[in-house]
Amino acid sequence: MMIGIAMFGFLGAVARYLCYVFAESRARQPKLATWFVNSSGSFAIGLCLGAGTTEPSGILGFLGAFTTFSTMALDCVKDAEDGKWRQALVYIAATLLAGLLLFTIGYYTASSF
């Protein structure tokens, strides 16, 4: 099981990088790219759990590596250090609200089938 989680974790990290590069190239906003990755990952986790998936390799490995809370935290700390407290708080709130909302939508969408 640990090897499966590690392999899927590798794939999730690569997928996160590719999605981040794609989103950042379109929006030219690194925070928006991180928000997109975290939000889409929350939706995917909701879909998996709503469908009854309990395979830890996919959820813990792939989607755990795909989402990136630490990058969001670093962005917020940098904003706070630069005196941009309001921007940091809005970013935190937007990330948490989108994550919870999209997880819920994914969960109930998948569990309704």
PDB file of N, CA and C in Angstrom:
ATOM      1  N   MET A   1       0.825  -1.193   0.000  1.00  0.00           N
ATOM      2  CA  MET A   1       0.000   0.000   0.000  1.00  0.00           C
ATOM      3  C   MET A   1       0.874   1.263   0.000  1.00  0.00           C
ATOM      4  N   MET A   2       1.966   1.261   0.755  1.00  0.00           N
ATOM      5  CA  MET A   2       2.825   2.447   0.822  1.00  0.00           C
ATOM      6  C   MET A   2       3.457   2.767  -0.534  1.00  0.00           C
ATOM      7  N   ILE A   3       3.823   1.737  -1.272  1.00  0.00           N
ATOM      8  CA  ILE A   3       4.405   1.965  -2.595  1.00  0.00           C
ATOM      9  C   ILE A   3       3.364   2.573  -3.522  1.00  0.00           C
ATOM     10  N   GLY A   4       2.122   2.095  -3.430  1.00  0.00           N
ATOM     11  CA  GLY A   4       1.036   2.664  -4.240  1.00  0.00           C
ATOM     12  C   GLY A   4       0.790   4.119  -3.915  1.00  0.00           C
ATOM     13  N   ILE A   5       0.778   4.449  -2.625  1.00  0.00           N
ATOM     14  CA  ILE A   5       0.581   5.848  -2.221  1.00  0.00           C
ATOM     15  C   ILE A   5       1.728   6.708  -2.738  1.00  0.00           C
ATOM     16  N   ALA A   6       2.952   6.197  -2.639  1.00  0.00           N
ATOM     17  CA  ALA A   6       4.111   6.954  -3.118  1.00  0.00           C
ATOM     18  C   ALA A   6       4.052   7.163  -4.638  1.00  0.00           C
ATOM     19  N   MET A   7       3.677   6.111  -5.360  1.00  0.00           N
ATOM     20  CA  MET A   7       3.599   6.235  -6.819  1.00  0.00           C
ATOM     21  C   MET A   7       2.503   7.216  -7.227  1.00  0.00           C
ATOM     22  N   PHE A   8       1.337   7.099  -6.597  1.00  0.00           N
ATOM     23  CA  PHE A   8       0.253   8.027  -6.919  1.00  0.00           C
ATOM     24  C   PHE A   8       0.591   9.437  -6.440  1.00  0.00           C
ATOM     25  N   GLY A   9       1.337   9.536  -5.333  1.00  0.00           N
ATOM     26  CA  GLY A   9       1.781  10.842  -4.863  1.00  0.00           C
ATOM     27  C   GLY A   9       2.682  11.530  -5.875  1.00  0.00           C
ATOM     28  N   PHE A  10       3.568  10.761  -6.471  1.00  0.00           N
ATOM     29  CA  PHE A  10       4.428  11.300  -7.525  1.00  0.00           C
ATOM     30  C   PHE A  10       3.580  11.829  -8.680  1.00  0.00           C
ATOM     31  N   LEU A  11       2.619  11.014  -9.118  1.00  0.00           N
ATOM     32  CA  LEU A  11       1.757  11.425 -10.230  1.00  0.00           C
ATOM     33  C   LEU A  11       0.926  12.655  -9.861  1.00  0.00           C
ATOM     34  N   GLY A  12       0.446  12.709  -8.620  1.00  0.00           N
ATOM     35  CA  GLY A  12      -0.335  13.863  -8.172  1.00  0.00           C
ATOM     36  C   GLY A  12       0.491  15.137  -8.149  1.00  0.00           C
ATOM     37  N   ALA A  13       1.751  15.024  -7.719  1.00  0.00           N
ATOM     38  CA  ALA A  13       2.630  16.193  -7.698  1.00  0.00           C
ATOM     39  C   ALA A  13       2.917  16.689  -9.108  1.00  0.00           C
ATOM     40  N   VAL A  14       3.122  15.768 -10.031  1.00  0.00           N
ATOM     41  CA  VAL A  14       3.354  16.151 -11.436  1.00  0.00           C
ATOM     42  C   VAL A  14       2.094  16.802 -12.006  1.00  0.00           C
ATOM     43  N   ALA A  15       0.931  16.221 -11.711  1.00  0.00           N
ATOM     44  CA  ALA A  15      -0.333  16.793 -12.197  1.00  0.00           C
ATOM     45  C   ALA A  15      -0.549  18.187 -11.617  1.00  0.00           C
ATOM     46  N   ARG A  16      -0.221  18.363 -10.333  1.00  0.00           N
ATOM     47  CA  ARG A  16      -0.356  19.690  -9.713  1.00  0.00           C
ATOM     48  C   ARG A  16       0.523  20.683 -10.437  1.00  0.00           C
ATOM     49  N   TYR A  17       1.758  20.314 -10.710  1.00  0.00           N
ATOM     50  CA  TYR A  17       2.680  21.213 -11.398  1.00  0.00           C
ATOM     51  C   TYR A  17       2.137  21.596 -12.774  1.00  0.00           C
ATOM     52  N   LEU A  18       1.662  20.607 -13.527  1.00  0.00           N
ATOM     53  CA  LEU A  18       1.155  20.885 -14.869  1.00  0.00           C
ATOM     54  C   LEU A  18      -0.087  21.771 -14.823  1.00  0.00           C
ATOM     55  N   CYS A  19      -1.010  21.498 -13.899  1.00  0.00           N
ATOM     56  CA  CYS A  19      -2.208  22.343 -13.763  1.00  0.00           C
ATOM     57  C   CYS A  19      -1.843  23.748 -13.317  1.00  0.00           C
ATOM     58  N   TYR A  20      -0.887  23.831 -12.404  1.00  0.00           N
ATOM     59  CA  TYR A  20      -0.438  25.136 -11.921  1.00  0.00           C
ATOM     60  C   TYR A  20       0.159  25.949 -13.069  1.00  0.00           C
ATOM     61  N   VAL A  21       1.036  25.322 -13.852  1.00  0.00           N
ATOM     62  CA  VAL A  21       1.666  26.019 -14.972  1.00  0.00           C
ATOM     63  C   VAL A  21       0.605  26.466 -15.983  1.00  0.00           C
ATOM     64  N   PHE A  22      -0.361  25.585 -16.268  1.00  0.00           N
ATOM     65  CA  PHE A  22      -1.429  25.930 -17.205  1.00  0.00           C
ATOM     66  C   PHE A  22      -2.250  27.109 -16.687  1.00  0.00           C
ATOM     67  N   ALA A  23      -2.704  27.028 -15.435  1.00  0.00           N
ATOM     68  CA  ALA A  23      -3.540  28.094 -14.868  1.00  0.00           C
ATOM     69  C   ALA A  23      -2.763  29.395 -14.740  1.00  0.00           C
ATOM     70  N   GLU A  24      -1.510  29.316 -14.335  1.00  0.00           N
ATOM     71  CA  GLU A  24      -0.698  30.518 -14.170  1.00  0.00           C
ATOM     72  C   GLU A  24      -0.417  31.173 -15.516  1.00  0.00           C
ATOM     73  N   SER A  25      -0.261  30.371 -16.564  1.00  0.00           N
ATOM     74  CA  SER A  25      -0.010  30.947 -17.885  1.00  0.00           C
ATOM     75  C   SER A  25      -1.237  31.666 -18.427  1.00  0.00           C
ATOM     76  N   ARG A  26      -2.414  31.212 -18.012  1.00  0.00           N
ATOM     77  CA  ARG A  26      -3.657  31.849 -18.465  1.00  0.00           C
ATOM     78  C   ARG A  26      -3.979  33.091 -17.640  1.00  0.00           C
ATOM     79  N   ALA A  27      -3.878  32.969 -16.330  1.00  0.00           N
ATOM     80  CA  ALA A  27      -4.292  34.059 -15.456  1.00  0.00           C
ATOM     81  C   ALA A  27      -3.141  34.995 -15.096  1.00  0.00           C
ATOM     82  N   ARG A  28      -1.915  34.500 -15.215  1.00  0.00           N
ATOM     83  CA  ARG A  28      -0.723  35.271 -14.841  1.00  0.00           C
ATOM     84  C   ARG A  28      -0.773  35.707 -13.373  1.00  0.00           C
ATOM     85  N   GLN A  29      -1.442  34.914 -12.562  1.00  0.00           N
ATOM     86  CA  GLN A  29      -1.559  35.178 -11.130  1.00  0.00           C
ATOM     87  C   GLN A  29      -1.240  33.883 -10.378  1.00  0.00           C
ATOM     88  N   PRO A  30      -0.072  33.771  -9.770  1.00  0.00           N
ATOM     89  CA  PRO A  30       0.284  32.530  -9.084  1.00  0.00           C
ATOM     90  C   PRO A  30      -0.726  32.109  -8.018  1.00  0.00           C
ATOM     91  N   LYS A  31      -1.281  33.062  -7.283  1.00  0.00           N
ATOM     92  CA  LYS A  31      -2.261  32.706  -6.244  1.00  0.00           C
ATOM     93  C   LYS A  31      -3.525  32.123  -6.854  1.00  0.00           C
ATOM     94  N   LEU A  32      -3.939  32.652  -7.978  1.00  0.00           N
ATOM     95  CA  LEU A  32      -5.118  32.119  -8.649  1.00  0.00           C
ATOM     96  C   LEU A  32      -4.863  30.693  -9.134  1.00  0.00           C
ATOM     97  N   ALA A  33      -3.658  30.433  -9.594  1.00  0.00           N
ATOM     98  CA  ALA A  33      -3.306  29.075 -10.024  1.00  0.00           C
ATOM     99  C   ALA A  33      -3.336  28.114  -8.843  1.00  0.00           C
ATOM    100  N   THR A  34      -2.803  28.536  -7.695  1.00  0.00           N
ATOM    101  CA  THR A  34      -2.840  27.695  -6.493  1.00  0.00           C
ATOM    102  C   THR A  34      -4.275  27.488  -6.044  1.00  0.00           C
ATOM    103  N   TRP A  35      -5.082  28.538  -6.095  1.00  0.00           N
ATOM    104  CA  TRP A  35      -6.492  28.432  -5.727  1.00  0.00           C
ATOM    105  C   TRP A  35      -7.208  27.426  -6.634  1.00  0.00           C
ATOM    106  N   PHE A  36      -6.922  27.482  -7.930  1.00  0.00           N
ATOM    107  CA  PHE A  36      -7.533  26.565  -8.890  1.00  0.00           C
ATOM    108  C   PHE A  36      -7.170  25.116  -8.575  1.00  0.00           C
ATOM    109  N   VAL A  37      -5.899  24.856  -8.311  1.00  0.00           N
ATOM    110  CA  VAL A  37      -5.446  23.495  -8.001  1.00  0.00           C
ATOM    111  C   VAL A  37      -6.122  22.994  -6.728  1.00  0.00           C
ATOM    112  N   ASN A  38      -6.129  23.803  -5.685  1.00  0.00           N
ATOM    113  CA  ASN A  38      -6.740  23.374  -4.426  1.00  0.00           C
ATOM    114  C   ASN A  38      -8.252  23.182  -4.567  1.00  0.00           C
ATOM    115  N   SER A  39      -8.903  24.055  -5.293  1.00  0.00           N
ATOM    116  CA  SER A  39     -10.353  23.946  -5.464  1.00  0.00           C
ATOM    117  C   SER A  39     -10.731  22.721  -6.288  1.00  0.00           C
ATOM    118  N   SER A  40     -10.028  22.496  -7.389  1.00  0.00           N
ATOM    119  CA  SER A  40     -10.342  21.326  -8.204  1.00  0.00           C
ATOM    120  C   SER A  40      -9.996  20.034  -7.460  1.00  0.00           C
ATOM    121  N   GLY A  41      -8.946  20.048  -6.662  1.00  0.00           N
ATOM    122  CA  GLY A  41      -8.608  18.883  -5.850  1.00  0.00           C
ATOM    123  C   GLY A  41      -9.666  18.589  -4.802  1.00  0.00           C
ATOM    124  N   SER A  42     -10.217  19.622  -4.194  1.00  0.00           N
ATOM    125  CA  SER A  42     -11.295  19.437  -3.222  1.00  0.00           C
ATOM    126  C   SER A  42     -12.522  18.823  -3.875  1.00  0.00           C
ATOM    127  N   PHE A  43     -12.842  19.286  -5.077  1.00  0.00           N
ATOM    128  CA  PHE A  43     -13.970  18.723  -5.822  1.00  0.00           C
ATOM    129  C   PHE A  43     -13.732  17.243  -6.125  1.00  0.00           C
ATOM    130  N   ALA A  44     -12.518  16.916  -6.566  1.00  0.00           N
ATOM    131  CA  ALA A  44     -12.190  15.529  -6.895  1.00  0.00           C
ATOM    132  C   ALA A  44     -12.241  14.627  -5.664  1.00  0.00           C
ATOM    133  N   ILE A  45     -11.770  15.116  -4.525  1.00  0.00           N
ATOM    134  CA  ILE A  45     -11.840  14.332  -3.288  1.00  0.00           C
ATOM    135  C   ILE A  45     -13.294  14.108  -2.909  1.00  0.00           C
ATOM    136  N   GLY A  46     -14.130  15.140  -3.057  1.00  0.00           N
ATOM    137  CA  GLY A  46     -15.553  14.986  -2.792  1.00  0.00           C
ATOM    138  C   GLY A  46     -16.195  13.950  -3.700  1.00  0.00           C
ATOM    139  N   LEU A  47     -15.843  13.983  -4.986  1.00  0.00           N
ATOM    140  CA  LEU A  47     -16.363  12.981  -5.926  1.00  0.00           C
ATOM    141  C   LEU A  47     -15.965  11.566  -5.495  1.00  0.00           C
ATOM    142  N   CYS A  48     -14.701  11.390  -5.159  1.00  0.00           N
ATOM    143  CA  CYS A  48     -14.208  10.061  -4.771  1.00  0.00           C
ATOM    144  C   CYS A  48     -14.910   9.554  -3.517  1.00  0.00           C
ATOM    145  N   LEU A  49     -14.983  10.370  -2.506  1.00  0.00           N
ATOM    146  CA  LEU A  49     -15.605   9.932  -1.257  1.00  0.00           C
ATOM    147  C   LEU A  49     -17.109   9.760  -1.405  1.00  0.00           C
ATOM    148  N   GLY A  50     -17.738  10.624  -2.195  1.00  0.00           N
ATOM    149  CA  GLY A  50     -19.165  10.491  -2.450  1.00  0.00           C
ATOM    150  C   GLY A  50     -19.505   9.226  -3.212  1.00  0.00           C
ATOM    151  N   ALA A  51     -18.581   8.787  -4.045  1.00  0.00           N
ATOM    152  CA  ALA A  51     -18.789   7.555  -4.812  1.00  0.00           C
ATOM    153  C   ALA A  51     -18.451   6.311  -3.997  1.00  0.00           C
ATOM    154  N   GLY A  52     -17.963   6.512  -2.785  1.00  0.00           N
ATOM    155  CA  GLY A  52     -17.630   5.382  -1.923  1.00  0.00           C
ATOM    156  C   GLY A  52     -16.232   4.840  -2.110  1.00  0.00           C
ATOM    157  N   THR A  53     -15.386   5.581  -2.782  1.00  0.00           N
ATOM    158  CA  THR A  53     -14.008   5.151  -2.981  1.00  0.00           C
ATOM    159  C   THR A  53     -13.265   5.213  -1.657  1.00  0.00           C
ATOM    160  N   THR A  54     -12.639   4.117  -1.311  1.00  0.00           N
ATOM    161  CA  THR A  54     -11.852   4.094  -0.077  1.00  0.00           C
ATOM    162  C   THR A  54     -10.398   3.742  -0.341  1.00  0.00           C
ATOM    163  N   GLU A  55     -10.016   3.692  -1.607  1.00  0.00           N
ATOM    164  CA  GLU A  55      -8.646   3.353  -1.982  1.00  0.00           C
ATOM    165  C   GLU A  55      -7.704   4.480  -1.562  1.00  0.00           C
ATOM    166  N   PRO A  56      -6.834   4.237  -0.595  1.00  0.00           N
ATOM    167  CA  PRO A  56      -5.969   5.314  -0.103  1.00  0.00           C
ATOM    168  C   PRO A  56      -4.928   5.778  -1.110  1.00  0.00           C
ATOM    169  N   SER A  57      -4.528   4.940  -2.046  1.00  0.00           N
ATOM    170  CA  SER A  57      -3.505   5.357  -3.016  1.00  0.00           C
ATOM    171  C   SER A  57      -3.972   6.546  -3.837  1.00  0.00           C
ATOM    172  N   GLY A  58      -5.215   6.500  -4.287  1.00  0.00           N
ATOM    173  CA  GLY A  58      -5.737   7.579  -5.107  1.00  0.00           C
ATOM    174  C   GLY A  58      -6.032   8.834  -4.321  1.00  0.00           C
ATOM    175  N   ILE A  59      -6.683   8.668  -3.170  1.00  0.00           N
ATOM    176  CA  ILE A  59      -7.077   9.845  -2.393  1.00  0.00           C
ATOM    177  C   ILE A  59      -5.886  10.430  -1.644  1.00  0.00           C
ATOM    178  N   LEU A  60      -5.207   9.613  -0.862  1.00  0.00           N
ATOM    179  CA  LEU A  60      -4.065  10.124  -0.097  1.00  0.00           C
ATOM    180  C   LEU A  60      -2.873  10.415  -0.991  1.00  0.00           C
ATOM    181  N   GLY A  61      -2.607   9.510  -1.912  1.00  0.00           N
ATOM    182  CA  GLY A  61      -1.439   9.666  -2.769  1.00  0.00           C
ATOM    183  C   GLY A  61      -1.626  10.745  -3.812  1.00  0.00           C
ATOM    184  N   PHE A  62      -2.476  10.471  -4.794  1.00  0.00           N
ATOM    185  CA  PHE A  62      -2.631  11.385  -5.913  1.00  0.00           C
ATOM    186  C   PHE A  62      -3.229  12.723  -5.480  1.00  0.00           C
ATOM    187  N   LEU A  63      -4.398  12.687  -4.868  1.00  0.00           N
ATOM    188  CA  LEU A  63      -5.075  13.947  -4.545  1.00  0.00           C
ATOM    189  C   LEU A  63      -4.433  14.669  -3.369  1.00  0.00           C
ATOM    190  N   GLY A  64      -3.819  13.913  -2.467  1.00  0.00           N
ATOM    191  CA  GLY A  64      -3.083  14.554  -1.375  1.00  0.00           C
ATOM    192  C   GLY A  64      -1.885  15.338  -1.896  1.00  0.00           C
ATOM    193  N   ALA A  65      -1.201  14.780  -2.877  1.00  0.00           N
ATOM    194  CA  ALA A  65      -0.060  15.482  -3.472  1.00  0.00           C
ATOM    195  C   ALA A  65      -0.520  16.560  -4.450  1.00  0.00           C
ATOM    196  N   PHE A  66      -1.685  16.367  -5.044  1.00  0.00           N
ATOM    197  CA  PHE A  66      -2.201  17.335  -6.017  1.00  0.00           C
ATOM    198  C   PHE A  66      -2.556  18.656  -5.337  1.00  0.00           C
ATOM    199  N   THR A  67      -3.240  18.581  -4.205  1.00  0.00           N
ATOM    200  CA  THR A  67      -3.604  19.804  -3.500  1.00  0.00           C
ATOM    201  C   THR A  67      -2.388  20.330  -2.749  1.00  0.00           C
ATOM    202  N   THR A  68      -2.373  21.622  -2.493  1.00  0.00           N
ATOM    203  CA  THR A  68      -1.160  22.230  -1.953  1.00  0.00           C
ATOM    204  C   THR A  68      -1.477  23.323  -0.935  1.00  0.00           C
ATOM    205  N   PHE A  69      -1.864  22.887   0.251  1.00  0.00           N
ATOM    206  CA  PHE A  69      -2.167  23.825   1.323  1.00  0.00           C
ATOM    207  C   PHE A  69      -0.930  24.624   1.727  1.00  0.00           C
ATOM    208  N   SER A  70       0.226  24.000   1.684  1.00  0.00           N
ATOM    209  CA  SER A  70       1.445  24.682   2.116  1.00  0.00           C
ATOM    210  C   SER A  70       1.793  25.865   1.213  1.00  0.00           C
ATOM    211  N   THR A  71       1.540  25.753  -0.079  1.00  0.00           N
ATOM    212  CA  THR A  71       1.805  26.875  -0.981  1.00  0.00           C
ATOM    213  C   THR A  71       0.854  28.027  -0.677  1.00  0.00           C
ATOM    214  N   MET A  72      -0.406  27.700  -0.400  1.00  0.00           N
ATOM    215  CA  MET A  72      -1.375  28.734  -0.032  1.00  0.00           C
ATOM    216  C   MET A  72      -0.935  29.421   1.256  1.00  0.00           C
ATOM    217  N   ALA A  73      -0.480  28.643   2.237  1.00  0.00           N
ATOM    218  CA  ALA A  73      -0.035  29.211   3.510  1.00  0.00           C
ATOM    219  C   ALA A  73       1.175  30.132   3.301  1.00  0.00           C
ATOM    220  N   LEU A  74       2.111  29.695   2.478  1.00  0.00           N
ATOM    221  CA  LEU A  74       3.288  30.522   2.196  1.00  0.00           C
ATOM    222  C   LEU A  74       2.895  31.838   1.532  1.00  0.00           C
ATOM    223  N   ASP A  75       1.987  31.779   0.573  1.00  0.00           N
ATOM    224  CA  ASP A  75       1.512  33.007  -0.080  1.00  0.00           C
ATOM    225  C   ASP A  75       0.900  33.964   0.936  1.00  0.00           C
ATOM    226  N   CYS A  76       0.130  33.423   1.863  1.00  0.00           N
ATOM    227  CA  CYS A  76      -0.521  34.262   2.876  1.00  0.00           C
ATOM    228  C   CYS A  76       0.495  34.864   3.837  1.00  0.00           C
ATOM    229  N   VAL A  77       1.481  34.094   4.248  1.00  0.00           N
ATOM    230  CA  VAL A  77       2.523  34.616   5.135  1.00  0.00           C
ATOM    231  C   VAL A  77       3.298  35.732   4.440  1.00  0.00           C
ATOM    232  N   LYS A  78       3.609  35.539   3.159  1.00  0.00           N
ATOM    233  CA  LYS A  78       4.315  36.587   2.409  1.00  0.00           C
ATOM    234  C   LYS A  78       3.479  37.860   2.346  1.00  0.00           C
ATOM    235  N   ASP A  79       2.179  37.719   2.088  1.00  0.00           N
ATOM    236  CA  ASP A  79       1.302  38.893   2.060  1.00  0.00           C
ATOM    237  C   ASP A  79       1.287  39.591   3.422  1.00  0.00           C
ATOM    238  N   ALA A  80       1.179  38.804   4.488  1.00  0.00           N
ATOM    239  CA  ALA A  80       1.147  39.378   5.835  1.00  0.00           C
ATOM    240  C   ALA A  80       2.459  40.102   6.142  1.00  0.00           C
ATOM    241  N   GLU A  81       3.576  39.513   5.768  1.00  0.00           N
ATOM    242  CA  GLU A  81       4.871  40.162   5.992  1.00  0.00           C
ATOM    243  C   GLU A  81       4.987  41.465   5.209  1.00  0.00           C
ATOM    244  N   ASP A  82       4.334  41.529   4.068  1.00  0.00           N
ATOM    245  CA  ASP A  82       4.355  42.748   3.245  1.00  0.00           C
ATOM    246  C   ASP A  82       3.292  43.752   3.679  1.00  0.00           C
ATOM    247  N   GLY A  83       2.581  43.441   4.769  1.00  0.00           N
ATOM    248  CA  GLY A  83       1.545  44.338   5.264  1.00  0.00           C
ATOM    249  C   GLY A  83       0.229  44.232   4.522  1.00  0.00           C
ATOM    250  N   LYS A  84       0.064  43.210   3.708  1.00  0.00           N
ATOM    251  CA  LYS A  84      -1.160  43.021   2.925  1.00  0.00           C
ATOM    252  C   LYS A  84      -2.092  42.056   3.660  1.00  0.00           C
ATOM    253  N   TRP A  85      -2.468  42.416   4.866  1.00  0.00           N
ATOM    254  CA  TRP A  85      -3.297  41.551   5.702  1.00  0.00           C
ATOM    255  C   TRP A  85      -4.656  41.275   5.083  1.00  0.00           C
ATOM    256  N   ARG A  86      -5.268  42.308   4.541  1.00  0.00           N
ATOM    257  CA  ARG A  86      -6.599  42.128   3.936  1.00  0.00           C
ATOM    258  C   ARG A  86      -6.533  41.138   2.769  1.00  0.00           C
ATOM    259  N   GLN A  87      -5.535  41.285   1.920  1.00  0.00           N
ATOM    260  CA  GLN A  87      -5.370  40.385   0.787  1.00  0.00           C
ATOM    261  C   GLN A  87      -5.144  38.950   1.267  1.00  0.00           C
ATOM    262  N   ALA A  88      -4.349  38.781   2.315  1.00  0.00           N
ATOM    263  CA  ALA A  88      -4.094  37.444   2.862  1.00  0.00           C
ATOM    264  C   ALA A  88      -5.377  36.829   3.409  1.00  0.00           C
ATOM    265  N   LEU A  89      -6.162  37.602   4.129  1.00  0.00           N
ATOM    266  CA  LEU A  89      -7.403  37.085   4.717  1.00  0.00           C
ATOM    267  C   LEU A  89      -8.444  36.751   3.645  1.00  0.00           C
ATOM    268  N   VAL A  90      -8.523  37.571   2.621  1.00  0.00           N
ATOM    269  CA  VAL A  90      -9.455  37.292   1.519  1.00  0.00           C
ATOM    270  C   VAL A  90      -9.042  36.009   0.799  1.00  0.00           C
ATOM    271  N   TYR A  91      -7.753  35.837   0.598  1.00  0.00           N
ATOM    272  CA  TYR A  91      -7.237  34.637  -0.075  1.00  0.00           C
ATOM    273  C   TYR A  91      -7.518  33.383   0.757  1.00  0.00           C
ATOM    274  N   ILE A  92      -7.306  33.470   2.053  1.00  0.00           N
ATOM    275  CA  ILE A  92      -7.606  32.338   2.942  1.00  0.00           C
ATOM    276  C   ILE A  92      -9.093  32.005   2.876  1.00  0.00           C
ATOM    277  N   ALA A  93      -9.929  33.029   3.013  1.00  0.00           N
ATOM    278  CA  ALA A  93     -11.380  32.811   2.997  1.00  0.00           C
ATOM    279  C   ALA A  93     -11.842  32.239   1.659  1.00  0.00           C
ATOM    280  N   ALA A  94     -11.336  32.782   0.562  1.00  0.00           N
ATOM    281  CA  ALA A  94     -11.730  32.295  -0.765  1.00  0.00           C
ATOM    282  C   ALA A  94     -11.309  30.842  -0.963  1.00  0.00           C
ATOM    283  N   THR A  95     -10.121  30.490  -0.490  1.00  0.00           N
ATOM    284  CA  THR A  95      -9.635  29.116  -0.637  1.00  0.00           C
ATOM    285  C   THR A  95     -10.466  28.154   0.195  1.00  0.00           C
ATOM    286  N   LEU A  96     -10.714  28.508   1.447  1.00  0.00           N
ATOM    287  CA  LEU A  96     -11.483  27.615   2.319  1.00  0.00           C
ATOM    288  C   LEU A  96     -12.935  27.479   1.865  1.00  0.00           C
ATOM    289  N   LEU A  97     -13.553  28.583   1.506  1.00  0.00           N
ATOM    290  CA  LEU A  97     -14.949  28.525   1.062  1.00  0.00           C
ATOM    291  C   LEU A  97     -15.092  27.735  -0.239  1.00  0.00           C
ATOM    292  N   ALA A  98     -14.213  27.990  -1.189  1.00  0.00           N
ATOM    293  CA  ALA A  98     -14.275  27.257  -2.462  1.00  0.00           C
ATOM    294  C   ALA A  98     -14.018  25.774  -2.232  1.00  0.00           C
ATOM    295  N   GLY A  99     -13.038  25.465  -1.399  1.00  0.00           N
ATOM    296  CA  GLY A  99     -12.729  24.066  -1.112  1.00  0.00           C
ATOM    297  C   GLY A  99     -13.895  23.335  -0.474  1.00  0.00           C
ATOM    298  N   LEU A 100     -14.501  23.946   0.525  1.00  0.00           N
ATOM    299  CA  LEU A 100     -15.647  23.321   1.200  1.00  0.00           C
ATOM    300  C   LEU A 100     -16.845  23.201   0.265  1.00  0.00           C
ATOM    301  N   LEU A 101     -17.116  24.253  -0.487  1.00  0.00           N
ATOM    302  CA  LEU A 101     -18.249  24.234  -1.402  1.00  0.00           C
ATOM    303  C   LEU A 101     -18.057  23.187  -2.499  1.00  0.00           C
ATOM    304  N   LEU A 102     -16.894  23.164  -3.118  1.00  0.00           N
ATOM    305  CA  LEU A 102     -16.656  22.224  -4.216  1.00  0.00           C
ATOM    306  C   LEU A 102     -16.556  20.786  -3.717  1.00  0.00           C
ATOM    307  N   PHE A 103     -15.991  20.578  -2.528  1.00  0.00           N
ATOM    308  CA  PHE A 103     -15.999  19.233  -1.951  1.00  0.00           C
ATOM    309  C   PHE A 103     -17.438  18.766  -1.764  1.00  0.00           C
ATOM    310  N   THR A 104     -18.275  19.627  -1.202  1.00  0.00           N
ATOM    311  CA  THR A 104     -19.676  19.277  -0.945  1.00  0.00           C
ATOM    312  C   THR A 104     -20.416  18.979  -2.238  1.00  0.00           C
ATOM    313  N   ILE A 105     -20.216  19.807  -3.254  1.00  0.00           N
ATOM    314  CA  ILE A 105     -20.853  19.578  -4.555  1.00  0.00           C
ATOM    315  C   ILE A 105     -20.394  18.244  -5.134  1.00  0.00           C
ATOM    316  N   GLY A 106     -19.094  17.992  -5.106  1.00  0.00           N
ATOM    317  CA  GLY A 106     -18.575  16.724  -5.609  1.00  0.00           C
ATOM    318  C   GLY A 106     -19.114  15.535  -4.843  1.00  0.00           C
ATOM    319  N   TYR A 107     -19.149  15.652  -3.525  1.00  0.00           N
ATOM    320  CA  TYR A 107     -19.617  14.551  -2.674  1.00  0.00           C
ATOM    321  C   TYR A 107     -21.077  14.210  -2.972  1.00  0.00           C
ATOM    322  N   TYR A 108     -21.939  15.231  -2.967  1.00  0.00           N
ATOM    323  CA  TYR A 108     -23.359  14.964  -3.184  1.00  0.00           C
ATOM    324  C   TYR A 108     -23.672  14.618  -4.633  1.00  0.00           C
ATOM    325  N   THR A 109     -22.890  15.124  -5.561  1.00  0.00           N
ATOM    326  CA  THR A 109     -23.072  14.731  -6.961  1.00  0.00           C
ATOM    327  C   THR A 109     -22.800  13.238  -7.127  1.00  0.00           C
ATOM    328  N   ALA A 110     -21.674  12.784  -6.601  1.00  0.00           N
ATOM    329  CA  ALA A 110     -21.295  11.370  -6.757  1.00  0.00           C
ATOM    330  C   ALA A 110     -22.180  10.449  -5.936  1.00  0.00           C
ATOM    331  N   SER A 111     -22.612  10.880  -4.757  1.00  0.00           N
ATOM    332  CA  SER A 111     -23.425   9.997  -3.909  1.00  0.00           C
ATOM    333  C   SER A 111     -24.874   9.905  -4.383  1.00  0.00           C
ATOM    334  N   SER A 112     -25.276  10.781  -5.314  1.00  0.00           N
ATOM    335  CA  SER A 112     -26.645  10.724  -5.812  1.00  0.00           C
ATOM    336  C   SER A 112     -26.814   9.689  -6.922  1.00  0.00           C
ATOM    337  N   PHE A 113     -25.706   9.090  -7.385  1.00  0.00           N
ATOM    338  CA  PHE A 113     -25.798   8.093  -8.450  1.00  0.00           C
ATOM    339  C   PHE A 113     -25.772   6.700  -7.896  1.00  0.00           C
TER     340      PHE A 113
END
